[in-house]
Protein backbone atom coordinates (compact mmCIF):
# COMPACT_ATOMS: atom_id res chain seq x y z
CA MET A 1 -7.11 6.04 8.39
CA GLU A 2 -6.12 9.63 7.89
CA LYS A 3 -3.03 10.25 5.78
CA PRO A 4 -0.41 12.33 7.56
CA ALA A 5 0.54 15.60 5.91
CA GLY A 6 3.42 15.32 3.45
CA VAL A 7 3.33 11.53 3.26
CA ARG A 8 2.98 9.68 -0.04
CA ARG A 9 0.80 6.62 0.37
CA ILE A 10 0.88 3.56 -1.88
CA VAL A 11 -1.75 0.87 -1.41
CA ILE A 12 -0.88 -2.49 -2.94
CA ILE A 13 -3.80 -4.78 -3.69
CA GLY A 14 -3.31 -8.37 -4.75
CA ASP A 15 -3.31 -12.04 -3.94
CA SER A 16 -0.88 -14.29 -2.08
CA PHE A 17 2.15 -12.68 -3.76
CA THR A 18 1.18 -9.38 -2.17
CA GLU A 19 0.22 -10.95 1.13
CA ALA A 20 3.64 -12.67 1.24
CA LEU A 21 2.92 -15.46 3.68
CA ASP A 22 4.90 -18.12 1.80
CA GLY A 23 8.28 -16.43 1.84
CA PRO A 24 10.44 -14.07 3.85
CA TRP A 25 8.62 -10.80 4.53
CA ALA A 26 11.81 -8.87 3.84
CA GLU A 27 11.96 -10.31 0.30
CA SER A 28 8.36 -9.58 -0.66
CA PHE A 29 7.80 -7.02 -3.40
CA PRO A 30 5.86 -4.53 -1.22
CA THR A 31 8.74 -4.49 1.28
CA LEU A 32 11.33 -4.18 -1.49
CA LEU A 33 9.32 -1.38 -3.13
CA ASN A 34 9.19 0.58 0.11
CA ALA A 35 12.95 0.13 0.60
CA GLN A 36 13.67 1.32 -2.96
CA LEU A 37 11.48 4.39 -2.47
CA LEU A 38 13.31 5.27 0.73
CA ARG A 39 16.73 4.75 -0.91
CA GLY A 40 15.65 6.90 -3.84
CA GLY A 41 14.78 9.78 -1.55
CA ILE A 42 11.04 9.47 -2.08
CA ALA A 43 10.15 9.81 1.55
CA PRO A 44 8.24 9.81 3.70
CA THR A 45 6.25 7.02 2.07
CA GLU A 46 3.73 4.58 3.51
CA THR A 47 3.38 1.33 1.59
CA LEU A 48 0.22 -0.46 2.66
CA ARG A 49 -0.42 -4.01 1.54
CA LEU A 50 -3.98 -5.26 1.18
CA GLY A 51 -3.20 -8.62 -0.36
CA THR A 52 -5.18 -11.74 0.47
CA SER A 53 -4.43 -15.30 -0.61
CA SER A 54 -6.66 -16.65 -3.39
CA TYR A 55 -8.14 -13.26 -4.27
CA GLY A 56 -8.96 -12.76 -7.91
CA THR A 57 -9.71 -9.66 -9.95
CA VAL A 58 -13.27 -9.22 -8.64
CA HIS A 59 -12.16 -9.48 -5.02
CA GLU A 60 -9.32 -7.04 -5.67
CA PHE A 61 -11.75 -4.56 -7.23
CA LEU A 62 -13.98 -4.82 -4.17
CA VAL A 63 -10.98 -4.18 -1.91
CA LEU A 64 -10.14 -1.13 -4.01
CA ARG A 65 -13.68 0.20 -3.90
CA ASN A 66 -14.54 -0.67 -0.29
CA GLU A 67 -11.23 -0.34 1.55
CA ALA A 68 -8.28 1.06 -0.37
CA MET A 69 -9.87 4.35 -1.38
CA ALA A 70 -10.27 5.24 2.30
CA TYR A 71 -6.47 5.33 2.58
CA ALA A 72 -6.33 8.11 -0.03
CA LEU A 73 -8.08 10.52 2.30
CA ILE A 74 -6.07 13.44 3.60
CA SER A 75 -6.86 15.87 6.35
CA GLN A 76 -8.24 19.24 5.36
CA SER A 77 -5.20 20.96 6.86
CA SER A 78 -2.69 19.01 4.78
CA LYS A 79 -1.58 19.37 1.17
CA CYS A 80 -0.85 16.62 -1.32
CA PRO A 81 2.88 16.16 -1.88
């Protein structure tokens, strides 16, 4: 997934707390983080959640290595903010 120019991207890796299936989506910490960033004028920001229930540290590392790093990619025509 190519990162749009000028966009800050935050990938959140974790377990069920990150996945947020047991509570209101609007009250989950990734959603609240994104809202705070927007209110603070840190925009545009994409907050991507890669949480999965029952994941432990090893699983989270594998998600970082095999999936999350792909979201850091930027197009050659864009500049990092």
